[in-house]
Amino acid sequence: MKRLFFILHYSFFILNCAQSQTFTHYVTTDAQPWQKGKQVSLSGKAVAEPTLTVTDQEQGHEFRAWGTCFNELDLDALELLTPDEQEEVMRRLFAPDGDLRFTRGRLTMNANDYSRRWYSCDTVNGDFALKNFNIEHDKKNVVRLIKKAQKYQPALTFWVSPWSPPAWMKINNEYCVVSSQWNTQAKEKDYLLFDDGGQPDPSEMQFLGERKGVFPRRLASQNYIIQDPRYLQAYANMFCRFIELYAEERIPIDMVMYQNEPYSYTPYPGCAWTAEGTIRFNRDYLAPALRRRHPEVELYLGTFNTNRQDYIEKILSDKGLQQAIKGFGAQWECRQCLPQLREQYPDLHFIGTESECGNGAMDWKAGEHTFFLLSDYLGQGCDEYYFWNFLLPDNGISPWGWTQNALIQVNSKTRQVRYTPEFYALKHFSRLISPGTRMVGYSGRDKDVHVSQDSKTPVVVFRKEIGKRREYIITAGNFTDQTKTLTVKIEKKYLNMNVAPHSFMFRYFFSIFTVRV
C-alpha cells in the first residue's frame, strides 16, 4: 500500500469578457510526482458550504521571497555527486525557471549545528577590536556553496543570524548552552541556565512540533553572552564586519537577526537570552552599529521559537526597540503566536525563518507536515519563507547525533539523488506563488493544530494582479480519513473539489488550483 500525495494546479483565463478557458493541472503521487491531471472548471453553483469566500476587494499580504539556508553539510552532500549532477541539483533549486526558484539565502555567523565542526570567526580571547576577525573558514566551505547557487540565481540576497557568539564571549566559555555527550562542557556548568540551579529537560528538544504545551517550560534566567559593554559592542561590530567581508565576496547581506532560537537551550552551538538582554543588545548596540556602518541593512527581531506570547510582547513593547526593527522572524512554537502578533504589530513584516527539520525519515509524513506549515505561515501573512537544509546524505545526521530532513536526499553509497516529498510540497507553492502574489484568504488553523479538523484540510487563496487580469491560486489539502468536498467561492463563481482521503490505501491529497479571471 502506498500513500498518495496529490498536488493539483488549475488555470482559468477570461480575457476581455471572452468565455474561453485554459486549464493547467498537475498531480503528484508517491510513485509519480508532478504529472498532469484531470481538468476542473468553475461552476455557478456550490456543492458544499464554501470553505472560503474571496471577492476582488481583499488587499491581503504581499509575498516577497522563498529562501533556504547554506550549511557546510549541504556542500558535503552536493560534492558526493558528479559535476553534471551537481549542476542539475542547483539549477532545480535556484534557477528562475527551475523547480523551487529560491531568491534568498540564510547564513550563520560562526558555526551552526550543521557545520562540520564548531568554530567562530574570531577565536582570540579579548579581541574587542576584532583584529583577528575573518571569514577564511567560510571561504573554503559555505562561500563555495553560495557561488554554485549564484551561477543560477545571480540576484540572490542574504540575511544572517548567529547560533552562538565566540566561546570567549560567553559565561560558560563554550559554544553550546548545556552539556551532552556531543560537546566538552562540564555538567556542573548547566546550573548557569536557571536561578534555582535546576537542570534542563532533555525531552523538550523534540522534533516535528511534538513539544506539547508551552515551550520552553522554564525560561533562562541569565544571558549567556557576557553583558559587559565591551563584549556587547564588540559583538555588534562583528555583525558589521561579517557583512563587509561577505560583500567583498559579492555576497550581499541586507538583513540581520541577533540570534537563532534564543529559547532552545542546546547541546550544539546556541546562546540563551533574557528579555532584558534581548532588548539591551538589539536596541543599544546592534541597531546603532548598523545605522552607523550599514544603514542599508534592516534589523529584524528573531528568530523567535517560543509560544510564550506574554514574554514576546514584553520584548516588543519596548518603544526604542520598536523603532529599531523592521520585522519579526518566527519558527517552531512561535508560529502559534502569529495571528495575535500580526494584529498587535500590523506595520512589521513577519517571516517564517525555518521550516521544521523533521527526524531524518524524509517521508510522506514529513511532506504532509511541511505542506501544512507552508499553508499556515503563508496563511498568517508571512511574506518570506525559509527552508533549513536543502541537501543532505542518508538520514541527515548532524555532528551532534540528531537526524534531520532535507529537500533532497543523497545516498552516500550509491550516490543516487532523491527529491523528497517536502521538495514537491514546496514546488507546488513556489512555482506559482512568486514575489508580488498576495495571500487573500486562509482556512485551516485552530488553537491546537495537532488535533484540529480544520488543520487537516487547510485551504489558502492567493491572488496576482497581471495587468487587468487577476490570477487566483488556491491550495487545499485533506489529511483526514474521509473524502472531503471543499468549495471555494471566487468572486461570483465556485471551485468545487472532491479531495480524497488517506483511506485504507493510506492516501494523502494536497491540491493546488490556479484560477485566472
Protein backbone atom coordinates (compact mmCIF):
# COMPACT_ATOMS: atom_id res chain seq x y z
CA MET A 1 0.00 0.00 0.00
CA LYS A 2 1.28 3.44 -0.87
CA ARG A 3 0.47 6.83 0.46
CA LEU A 4 -0.54 9.19 -2.30
CA PHE A 5 0.41 12.85 -2.31
CA PHE A 6 -1.61 14.85 -4.85
CA ILE A 7 -0.92 18.45 -5.82
CA LEU A 8 -3.16 19.96 -8.49
CA HIS A 9 -2.98 23.17 -10.49
CA TYR A 10 -5.86 24.64 -12.47
CA SER A 11 -5.71 27.86 -14.50
CA PHE A 12 -8.75 29.62 -15.91
CA PHE A 13 -8.50 32.62 -18.18
CA ILE A 14 -11.26 35.07 -19.09
CA LEU A 15 -9.82 37.98 -21.04
CA ASN A 16 -11.85 40.92 -22.30
CA CYS A 17 -15.08 39.09 -21.36
CA ALA A 18 -14.20 36.11 -23.58
CA GLN A 19 -15.63 32.81 -22.44
CA SER A 20 -12.70 30.55 -23.40
CA GLN A 21 -10.83 28.91 -20.53
CA THR A 22 -7.40 27.31 -20.28
CA PHE A 23 -6.53 24.81 -17.54
CA THR A 24 -3.23 23.76 -16.03
CA HIS A 25 -3.39 20.87 -13.60
CA TYR A 26 -0.62 18.78 -12.03
CA VAL A 27 -0.75 15.74 -9.78
CA THR A 28 2.00 14.35 -7.58
CA THR A 29 1.83 10.87 -6.12
CA ASP A 30 4.33 8.83 -4.17
CA ALA A 31 5.30 6.98 -7.33
CA GLN A 32 4.69 9.70 -9.95
CA PRO A 33 5.48 13.28 -8.97
CA TRP A 34 4.36 16.29 -10.99
CA GLN A 35 2.04 14.69 -13.53
CA LYS A 36 -0.66 16.49 -15.48
CA GLY A 37 -4.07 15.67 -14.07
CA LYS A 38 -7.73 15.93 -14.99
CA GLN A 39 -9.44 19.18 -15.77
CA VAL A 40 -11.84 21.00 -13.48
CA SER A 41 -13.94 24.09 -14.14
CA LEU A 42 -15.52 26.90 -12.22
CA SER A 43 -19.22 26.46 -11.53
CA GLY A 44 -22.18 28.71 -10.95
CA LYS A 45 -23.29 26.52 -8.04
CA ALA A 46 -21.66 25.37 -4.81
CA VAL A 47 -21.81 21.67 -3.91
CA ALA A 48 -20.80 22.39 -0.30
CA GLU A 49 -20.78 25.30 2.10
CA PRO A 50 -17.84 27.42 0.91
CA THR A 51 -14.73 26.93 2.99
CA LEU A 52 -13.62 30.38 1.90
CA THR A 53 -15.18 33.27 0.04
CA VAL A 54 -12.90 35.66 -1.80
CA THR A 55 -14.04 38.83 -3.51
CA ASP A 56 -11.86 41.15 -5.55
CA GLN A 57 -11.59 43.62 -2.64
CA GLU A 58 -9.16 41.93 -0.24
CA GLN A 59 -5.82 43.70 -0.02
CA GLY A 60 -4.10 40.72 1.58
CA HIS A 61 -0.42 40.27 2.41
CA GLU A 62 2.16 40.53 -0.33
CA PHE A 63 4.59 37.61 -0.62
CA ARG A 64 8.25 38.51 -1.20
CA ALA A 65 10.61 35.55 -1.31
CA TRP A 66 11.40 31.86 -0.96
CA GLY A 67 14.70 31.05 0.71
CA THR A 68 16.91 28.36 2.16
CA CYS A 69 19.92 28.04 4.46
CA PHE A 70 23.51 27.47 3.35
CA ASN A 71 25.32 24.94 5.54
CA GLU A 72 28.57 23.01 5.31
CA LEU A 73 26.89 19.61 5.38
CA ASP A 74 24.82 20.61 2.33
CA LEU A 75 28.07 21.22 0.48
CA ASP A 76 29.44 17.85 1.57
CA ALA A 77 26.31 16.12 0.24
CA LEU A 78 26.49 18.04 -3.03
CA GLU A 79 30.10 17.02 -3.58
CA LEU A 80 29.13 13.34 -3.41
CA LEU A 81 27.64 13.88 -6.87
CA THR A 82 29.22 14.15 -10.30
CA PRO A 83 29.74 17.67 -11.69
CA ASP A 84 26.75 17.29 -14.02
CA GLU A 85 24.53 16.05 -11.18
CA GLN A 86 25.61 18.99 -9.02
CA GLU A 87 24.62 21.40 -11.78
CA GLU A 88 21.21 19.77 -12.15
CA VAL A 89 20.51 19.98 -8.40
CA MET A 90 21.49 23.65 -8.17
CA ARG A 91 19.54 24.50 -11.31
CA ARG A 92 16.37 22.92 -9.95
CA LEU A 93 16.77 24.76 -6.65
CA PHE A 94 17.83 28.24 -7.75
CA ALA A 95 17.27 28.92 -11.45
CA PRO A 96 14.42 31.34 -12.27
CA ASP A 97 12.91 28.62 -14.47
CA GLY A 98 13.77 25.79 -12.07
CA ASP A 99 11.54 23.95 -9.65
CA LEU A 100 11.89 25.86 -6.36
CA ARG A 101 13.20 29.25 -7.54
CA PHE A 102 14.91 30.38 -4.36
CA THR A 103 15.93 34.05 -4.38
CA ARG A 104 17.02 34.45 -0.75
CA GLY A 105 19.58 32.73 1.46
CA ARG A 106 20.08 32.48 5.18
CA LEU A 107 23.61 32.49 6.63
CA THR A 108 25.07 31.90 10.04
CA MET A 109 27.89 33.91 11.59
CA ASN A 110 30.15 31.33 13.28
CA ALA A 111 29.20 27.65 13.40
CA ASN A 112 25.68 26.25 13.44
CA ASP A 113 24.53 22.73 14.21
CA TYR A 114 25.00 21.65 10.58
CA SER A 115 28.59 22.83 10.35
CA ARG A 116 31.21 20.09 10.19
CA ARG A 117 32.72 21.30 13.43
CA TRP A 118 32.20 24.17 15.81
CA TYR A 119 34.16 27.34 15.09
CA SER A 120 33.91 31.11 15.19
CA CYS A 121 35.18 33.97 13.06
CA ASP A 122 37.32 35.26 15.94
CA THR A 123 38.88 32.86 18.45
CA VAL A 124 41.22 35.33 20.14
CA ASN A 125 40.15 35.93 23.74
CA GLY A 126 39.59 39.63 24.42
CA ASP A 127 39.85 40.75 20.78
CA PHE A 128 37.41 43.61 21.21
CA ALA A 129 39.00 45.48 18.29
CA LEU A 130 38.30 42.46 16.05
CA LYS A 131 41.81 42.47 14.60
CA ASN A 132 41.58 38.71 14.13
CA PHE A 133 38.02 38.54 12.84
CA ASN A 134 37.89 36.74 9.47
CA ILE A 135 35.76 34.50 7.24
CA GLU A 136 38.58 32.30 5.96
CA HIS A 137 36.79 29.18 7.18
CA ASP A 138 33.62 30.22 5.34
CA LYS A 139 35.52 30.91 2.12
CA LYS A 140 36.55 27.26 1.95
CA ASN A 141 33.04 25.97 2.56
CA VAL A 142 29.80 27.98 2.67
CA VAL A 143 31.05 30.68 0.31
CA ARG A 144 31.87 28.00 -2.27
CA LEU A 145 28.34 26.62 -1.93
CA ILE A 146 26.86 30.10 -2.40
CA LYS A 147 28.88 30.62 -5.57
CA LYS A 148 27.36 27.45 -7.03
CA ALA A 149 23.89 28.86 -6.32
CA GLN A 150 24.71 32.31 -7.68
CA LYS A 151 25.57 30.74 -11.02
CA TYR A 152 21.85 30.03 -11.45
CA GLN A 153 20.43 32.95 -9.47
CA PRO A 154 22.88 35.90 -9.63
CA ALA A 155 20.36 38.12 -7.82
CA LEU A 156 20.46 36.05 -4.60
CA THR A 157 20.35 38.18 -1.46
CA PHE A 158 21.02 37.05 2.10
CA TRP A 159 20.40 37.58 5.78
CA VAL A 160 22.43 36.42 8.74
CA SER A 161 21.84 35.20 12.28
CA PRO A 162 24.37 33.55 14.60
CA TRP A 163 23.79 30.34 16.53
CA SER A 164 26.45 31.28 19.10
CA PRO A 165 28.89 34.09 19.78
CA PRO A 166 32.55 33.08 20.05
CA ALA A 167 33.00 30.91 23.13
CA TRP A 168 35.22 33.52 24.83
CA MET A 169 32.31 35.97 24.85
CA LYS A 170 30.02 33.62 26.83
CA ILE A 171 29.64 33.00 30.54
CA ASN A 172 30.21 29.26 30.10
CA ASN A 173 33.15 29.71 27.68
CA GLU A 174 31.59 27.11 25.35
CA TYR A 175 29.77 27.17 22.00
CA CYS A 176 26.90 25.12 23.43
CA VAL A 177 24.42 26.04 26.19
CA VAL A 178 24.13 22.71 28.04
CA SER A 179 26.34 19.67 28.38
CA SER A 180 25.91 16.42 26.48
CA GLN A 181 27.96 13.55 25.10
CA TRP A 182 28.41 15.60 21.92
CA ASN A 183 30.30 18.51 23.50
CA THR A 184 33.01 19.24 26.04
CA GLN A 185 31.05 21.30 28.56
CA ALA A 186 31.23 20.06 32.14
CA LYS A 187 27.81 19.15 33.51
CA GLU A 188 28.49 21.38 36.50
CA LYS A 189 28.11 24.43 34.24
CA ASP A 190 24.49 23.61 33.40
CA TYR A 191 23.38 25.33 36.61
CA LEU A 192 24.09 28.69 34.94
CA LEU A 193 20.83 28.44 32.98
CA PHE A 194 18.33 28.80 35.81
CA ASP A 195 18.25 30.81 39.04
CA ASP A 196 17.34 27.79 41.12
CA GLY A 197 20.11 25.65 39.68
CA GLY A 198 17.67 23.15 38.13
CA GLN A 199 18.76 21.07 35.18
CA PRO A 200 17.46 21.43 31.59
CA ASP A 201 14.80 18.94 30.49
CA PRO A 202 16.24 16.93 27.57
CA SER A 203 12.76 15.86 26.44
CA GLU A 204 11.92 19.44 25.43
CA MET A 205 14.17 19.26 22.39
CA GLN A 206 11.93 17.02 20.31
CA PHE A 207 11.08 17.39 16.64
CA LEU A 208 8.02 17.71 14.42
CA GLY A 209 6.09 20.09 16.62
CA GLU A 210 5.61 17.41 19.28
CA ARG A 211 6.71 19.52 22.25
CA LYS A 212 3.16 19.71 23.55
CA GLY A 213 2.26 22.77 25.65
CA VAL A 214 4.34 25.83 26.47
CA PHE A 215 7.91 25.97 25.15
CA PRO A 216 10.24 26.32 26.86
CA ARG A 217 8.63 25.29 30.12
CA ARG A 218 11.34 27.17 32.01
CA LEU A 219 12.96 30.34 30.73
CA ALA A 220 16.67 31.02 31.13
CA SER A 221 17.44 33.47 33.90
CA GLN A 222 20.87 34.50 32.57
CA ASN A 223 22.17 35.86 29.29
CA TYR A 224 24.89 33.54 28.06
CA ILE A 225 26.73 36.34 26.31
CA ILE A 226 28.66 38.41 28.84
CA GLN A 227 26.80 41.66 29.49
CA ASP A 228 29.88 43.85 29.86
CA PRO A 229 29.51 46.73 27.34
CA ARG A 230 32.86 45.84 25.77
CA TYR A 231 31.53 42.41 24.81
CA LEU A 232 28.18 43.68 23.59
CA GLN A 233 29.74 46.41 21.45
CA ALA A 234 32.33 44.04 20.01
CA TYR A 235 29.62 41.54 19.20
CA ALA A 236 27.54 44.21 17.40
CA ASN A 237 30.65 45.21 15.46
CA MET A 238 31.13 41.56 14.46
CA PHE A 239 27.86 41.68 12.53
CA CYS A 240 29.05 44.73 10.63
CA ARG A 241 32.44 43.22 9.87
CA PHE A 242 30.78 39.99 8.70
CA ILE A 243 28.58 41.98 6.30
CA GLU A 244 31.64 43.78 4.93
CA LEU A 245 33.73 40.66 4.39
CA TYR A 246 30.87 38.87 2.66
CA ALA A 247 30.33 41.91 0.45
CA GLU A 248 33.95 41.53 -0.68
CA GLU A 249 32.93 38.08 -1.89
CA ARG A 250 30.00 39.66 -3.77
CA ILE A 251 27.50 38.12 -1.37
CA PRO A 252 25.03 40.88 -0.36
CA ILE A 253 23.55 40.76 3.15
CA ASP A 254 20.55 43.06 3.61
CA MET A 255 19.03 41.81 6.88
CA VAL A 256 20.24 40.76 10.34
CA MET A 257 18.71 38.88 13.26
CA TYR A 258 20.53 38.77 16.57
CA GLN A 259 20.13 35.07 17.44
CA ASN A 260 18.87 31.76 16.13
CA GLU A 261 16.34 30.24 18.55
CA PRO A 262 17.22 32.02 21.81
CA TYR A 263 14.82 29.67 23.63
CA SER A 264 16.46 26.39 22.62
CA TYR A 265 18.95 25.52 25.34
CA THR A 266 21.14 23.47 23.13
CA PRO A 267 23.92 20.87 23.29
CA TYR A 268 25.13 22.33 19.95
CA PRO A 269 26.08 25.99 19.28
CA GLY A 270 23.49 28.25 20.89
CA CYS A 271 23.01 31.19 23.22
CA ALA A 272 20.34 31.79 25.87
CA TRP A 273 18.99 35.33 26.27
CA THR A 274 16.66 37.03 28.72
CA ALA A 275 14.07 39.58 27.63
CA GLU A 276 16.16 42.36 29.16
CA GLY A 277 19.29 41.18 27.38
CA THR A 278 17.46 40.91 24.07
CA ILE A 279 16.19 44.48 24.33
CA ARG A 280 19.54 45.84 25.52
CA PHE A 281 21.65 44.28 22.79
CA ASN A 282 19.32 44.99 19.87
CA ARG A 283 18.29 48.49 20.91
CA ASP A 284 21.53 49.86 22.37
CA TYR A 285 24.26 48.06 20.43
CA LEU A 286 23.25 46.19 17.26
CA ALA A 287 20.80 48.75 15.87
CA PRO A 288 23.15 51.74 16.37
CA ALA A 289 26.09 49.83 14.88
CA LEU A 290 24.07 49.00 11.77
CA ARG A 291 22.83 52.58 11.44
CA ARG A 292 26.40 53.90 11.56
CA ARG A 293 28.07 51.40 9.26
CA HIS A 294 25.32 49.73 7.23
CA PRO A 295 22.14 51.83 7.13
CA GLU A 296 21.02 49.77 4.11
CA VAL A 297 20.76 46.63 6.27
CA GLU A 298 17.47 46.01 8.08
CA LEU A 299 17.26 44.68 11.64
CA TYR A 300 14.60 42.05 12.32
CA LEU A 301 13.83 40.58 15.72
CA GLY A 302 14.34 36.85 15.68
CA THR A 303 14.49 34.04 15.20
CA PHE A 304 11.87 33.54 17.92
CA ASN A 305 10.92 29.96 18.75
CA THR A 306 8.74 30.33 21.83
CA ASN A 307 4.95 30.37 22.20
CA ARG A 308 5.17 32.37 25.44
CA GLN A 309 3.33 35.28 23.91
CA ASP A 310 3.42 37.45 27.02
CA TYR A 311 7.21 37.13 27.01
CA ILE A 312 7.42 38.12 23.33
CA GLU A 313 5.13 41.08 23.98
CA LYS A 314 7.33 42.16 26.87
CA ILE A 315 10.21 42.47 24.40
CA LEU A 316 8.22 44.07 21.59
CA SER A 317 6.62 46.61 23.93
CA ASP A 318 9.92 48.46 24.32
CA LYS A 319 9.46 51.69 22.32
CA GLY A 320 13.12 52.06 21.45
CA LEU A 321 13.29 48.53 20.11
CA GLN A 322 10.08 49.02 18.12
CA GLN A 323 11.69 51.95 16.32
CA ALA A 324 14.82 49.93 15.55
CA ILE A 325 13.31 46.84 13.91
CA LYS A 326 11.61 46.36 10.56
CA GLY A 327 10.25 42.86 11.03
CA PHE A 328 9.93 39.70 13.06
CA GLY A 329 11.17 36.17 12.37
CA ALA A 330 9.18 33.19 13.71
CA GLN A 331 9.84 29.45 13.71
CA TRP A 332 8.71 26.36 15.59
CA GLU A 333 6.37 27.20 18.51
CA CYS A 334 6.35 30.92 17.76
CA ARG A 335 4.15 30.14 14.73
CA GLN A 336 1.29 29.70 17.19
CA CYS A 337 1.55 33.39 18.15
CA LEU A 338 1.47 34.84 14.64
CA PRO A 339 -2.25 35.80 14.46
CA GLN A 340 -2.11 37.83 17.68
CA LEU A 341 1.30 39.38 16.94
CA ARG A 342 0.25 40.46 13.47
CA GLU A 343 -2.88 42.08 14.89
CA GLN A 344 -0.87 43.93 17.53
CA TYR A 345 2.00 44.97 15.24
CA PRO A 346 0.49 45.47 11.76
CA ASP A 347 3.43 47.52 10.48
CA LEU A 348 6.01 44.76 10.99
CA HIS A 349 6.99 42.29 8.30
CA PHE A 350 6.63 38.70 9.51
CA ILE A 351 8.62 35.85 8.00
CA GLY A 352 8.88 32.10 8.55
CA THR A 353 12.58 31.76 9.25
CA GLU A 354 12.98 27.98 9.27
CA SER A 355 10.72 25.15 8.18
CA GLU A 356 10.72 22.41 10.83
CA CYS A 357 13.57 19.98 10.28
CA GLY A 358 11.91 16.59 10.74
CA ASN A 359 13.57 13.44 12.04
CA GLY A 360 15.63 12.17 9.12
CA ALA A 361 12.91 9.94 7.66
CA MET A 362 12.27 12.30 4.71
CA ASP A 363 8.96 10.51 4.15
CA TRP A 364 5.35 11.31 3.29
CA LYS A 365 4.55 12.26 6.87
CA ALA A 366 7.18 14.95 6.63
CA GLY A 367 5.77 16.09 3.30
CA GLU A 368 2.29 16.39 4.77
CA HIS A 369 3.56 18.31 7.79
CA THR A 370 5.57 20.68 5.59
CA PHE A 371 2.55 21.29 3.37
CA PHE A 372 0.61 22.34 6.47
CA LEU A 373 3.46 24.59 7.64
CA LEU A 374 3.58 26.30 4.25
CA SER A 375 -0.18 26.81 4.41
CA ASP A 376 -0.12 28.17 7.95
CA TYR A 377 2.83 30.54 7.71
CA LEU A 378 1.66 31.99 4.41
CA GLY A 379 -1.95 31.91 5.55
CA GLN A 380 -0.97 34.01 8.55
CA GLY A 381 0.55 36.62 6.24
CA CYS A 382 4.26 35.81 6.40
CA ASP A 383 5.89 37.38 3.36
CA GLU A 384 9.04 35.21 3.26
CA TYR A 385 9.55 31.51 3.98
CA TYR A 386 12.84 29.66 4.53
CA PHE A 387 13.84 26.02 4.47
CA TRP A 388 16.61 24.54 6.58
CA ASN A 389 18.94 22.07 4.81
CA PHE A 390 18.23 21.72 1.10
CA LEU A 391 20.52 18.70 0.57
CA LEU A 392 21.75 16.02 2.99
CA PRO A 393 23.10 12.47 2.75
CA ASP A 394 21.25 9.40 4.01
CA ASN A 395 19.25 10.21 7.16
CA GLY A 396 20.76 13.67 7.57
CA ILE A 397 22.67 13.03 10.77
CA SER A 398 24.37 16.02 12.39
CA PRO A 399 27.74 16.15 14.19
CA TRP A 400 25.82 16.10 17.46
CA GLY A 401 23.90 12.92 16.70
CA TRP A 402 20.43 14.05 15.56
CA THR A 403 18.90 13.11 12.21
CA GLN A 404 17.03 15.74 10.17
CA ASN A 405 15.29 16.12 6.82
CA ALA A 406 16.25 17.88 3.64
CA LEU A 407 14.51 18.77 0.40
CA ILE A 408 16.89 16.49 -1.49
CA GLN A 409 18.44 13.26 -0.19
CA VAL A 410 21.69 11.70 -1.43
CA ASN A 411 22.53 8.04 -0.86
CA SER A 412 26.17 8.19 0.22
CA LYS A 413 26.86 4.65 -1.04
CA THR A 414 25.15 4.69 -4.43
CA ARG A 415 25.39 8.49 -4.93
CA GLN A 416 21.77 8.49 -6.09
CA VAL A 417 19.65 11.64 -5.70
CA ARG A 418 16.10 11.53 -4.33
CA TYR A 419 13.75 14.52 -4.38
CA THR A 420 11.73 14.14 -1.18
CA PRO A 421 8.01 14.77 -0.61
CA GLU A 422 8.94 18.09 1.01
CA PHE A 423 10.63 19.13 -2.23
CA TYR A 424 7.40 18.56 -4.14
CA ALA A 425 5.24 20.16 -1.44
CA LEU A 426 7.29 23.33 -1.85
CA LYS A 427 7.50 23.06 -5.64
CA HIS A 428 3.75 23.33 -5.99
CA PHE A 429 3.81 26.52 -3.98
CA SER A 430 6.97 28.16 -5.30
CA ARG A 431 6.27 27.51 -8.98
CA LEU A 432 3.16 29.70 -8.74
CA ILE A 433 3.48 31.94 -5.70
CA SER A 434 6.09 34.48 -6.76
CA PRO A 435 7.04 37.92 -5.40
CA GLY A 436 4.06 40.23 -5.61
CA THR A 437 1.48 37.47 -5.10
CA ARG A 438 -0.92 38.31 -2.27
CA MET A 439 -2.43 35.94 0.28
CA VAL A 440 -6.11 36.90 0.42
CA GLY A 441 -7.79 34.10 2.37
CA TYR A 442 -6.99 31.22 4.72
CA SER A 443 -8.95 28.49 6.44
CA GLY A 444 -7.29 25.70 8.31
CA ARG A 445 -5.91 26.80 11.65
CA ASP A 446 -7.18 26.10 15.14
CA LYS A 447 -5.58 26.71 18.52
CA ASP A 448 -4.36 23.12 18.75
CA VAL A 449 -3.18 22.33 15.23
CA HIS A 450 -2.33 18.74 16.19
CA VAL A 451 -5.96 17.65 16.62
CA SER A 452 -7.97 20.29 14.79
CA GLN A 453 -10.02 19.01 11.87
CA ASP A 454 -9.56 22.41 10.22
CA SER A 455 -5.79 21.99 10.31
CA LYS A 456 -6.21 18.73 8.37
CA THR A 457 -7.99 20.43 5.48
CA PRO A 458 -6.06 23.69 5.01
CA VAL A 459 -7.15 25.99 2.19
CA VAL A 460 -5.26 29.13 1.23
CA VAL A 461 -6.15 31.58 -1.54
CA PHE A 462 -3.58 33.77 -3.28
CA ARG A 463 -4.08 36.40 -5.95
CA LYS A 464 -1.83 38.03 -8.54
CA GLU A 465 -2.62 41.17 -10.47
CA ILE A 466 -1.29 40.89 -14.02
CA GLY A 467 -2.35 43.99 -15.91
CA LYS A 468 -6.14 43.95 -15.83
CA ARG A 469 -6.22 40.23 -15.14
CA ARG A 470 -6.45 38.64 -11.71
CA GLU A 471 -4.88 35.24 -11.13
CA TYR A 472 -6.04 33.12 -8.21
CA ILE A 473 -4.00 30.32 -6.69
CA ILE A 474 -5.83 28.07 -4.24
CA THR A 475 -4.03 25.49 -2.14
CA ALA A 476 -6.02 22.78 -0.39
CA GLY A 477 -5.24 19.59 1.45
CA ASN A 478 -7.10 16.70 3.08
CA PHE A 479 -5.26 14.85 5.83
CA THR A 480 -8.33 13.06 7.22
CA ASP A 481 -9.77 9.57 6.79
CA GLN A 482 -12.78 10.77 4.79
CA THR A 483 -13.22 12.17 1.32
CA LYS A 484 -13.70 15.90 1.66
CA THR A 485 -15.78 18.01 -0.66
CA LEU A 486 -14.35 21.51 -0.45
CA THR A 487 -15.82 24.56 -2.14
CA VAL A 488 -14.16 27.93 -2.55
CA LYS A 489 -16.15 30.90 -3.79
CA ILE A 490 -14.04 33.05 -6.08
CA GLU A 491 -15.82 36.31 -6.74
CA LYS A 492 -19.09 35.09 -8.33
CA LYS A 493 -18.03 31.53 -9.20
CA TYR A 494 -17.37 28.34 -7.22
CA LEU A 495 -14.48 25.93 -7.34
CA ASN A 496 -15.76 22.55 -6.12
CA MET A 497 -13.16 19.97 -5.11
CA ASN A 498 -13.60 16.34 -4.13
CA VAL A 499 -10.43 15.78 -2.13
CA ALA A 500 -9.54 12.14 -1.50
CA PRO A 501 -8.65 10.88 1.99
CA HIS A 502 -5.73 8.85 3.20
CA SER A 503 -8.03 5.93 3.03
CA PHE A 504 -7.34 2.30 3.60
CA MET A 505 -4.66 2.67 0.98
CA PHE A 506 -3.13 5.47 3.08
CA ARG A 507 -3.72 8.18 0.52
CA TYR A 508 -2.89 11.85 1.13
CA PHE A 509 -4.28 14.55 -1.09
CA PHE A 510 -2.77 18.03 -1.49
CA SER A 511 -4.41 20.25 -4.11
CA ILE A 512 -3.35 23.46 -5.75
CA PHE A 513 -5.64 25.25 -8.16
CA THR A 514 -4.74 28.31 -10.20
CA VAL A 515 -7.61 30.41 -11.50
CA ARG A 516 -7.13 33.40 -13.73
CA VAL A 517 -10.15 35.61 -14.16
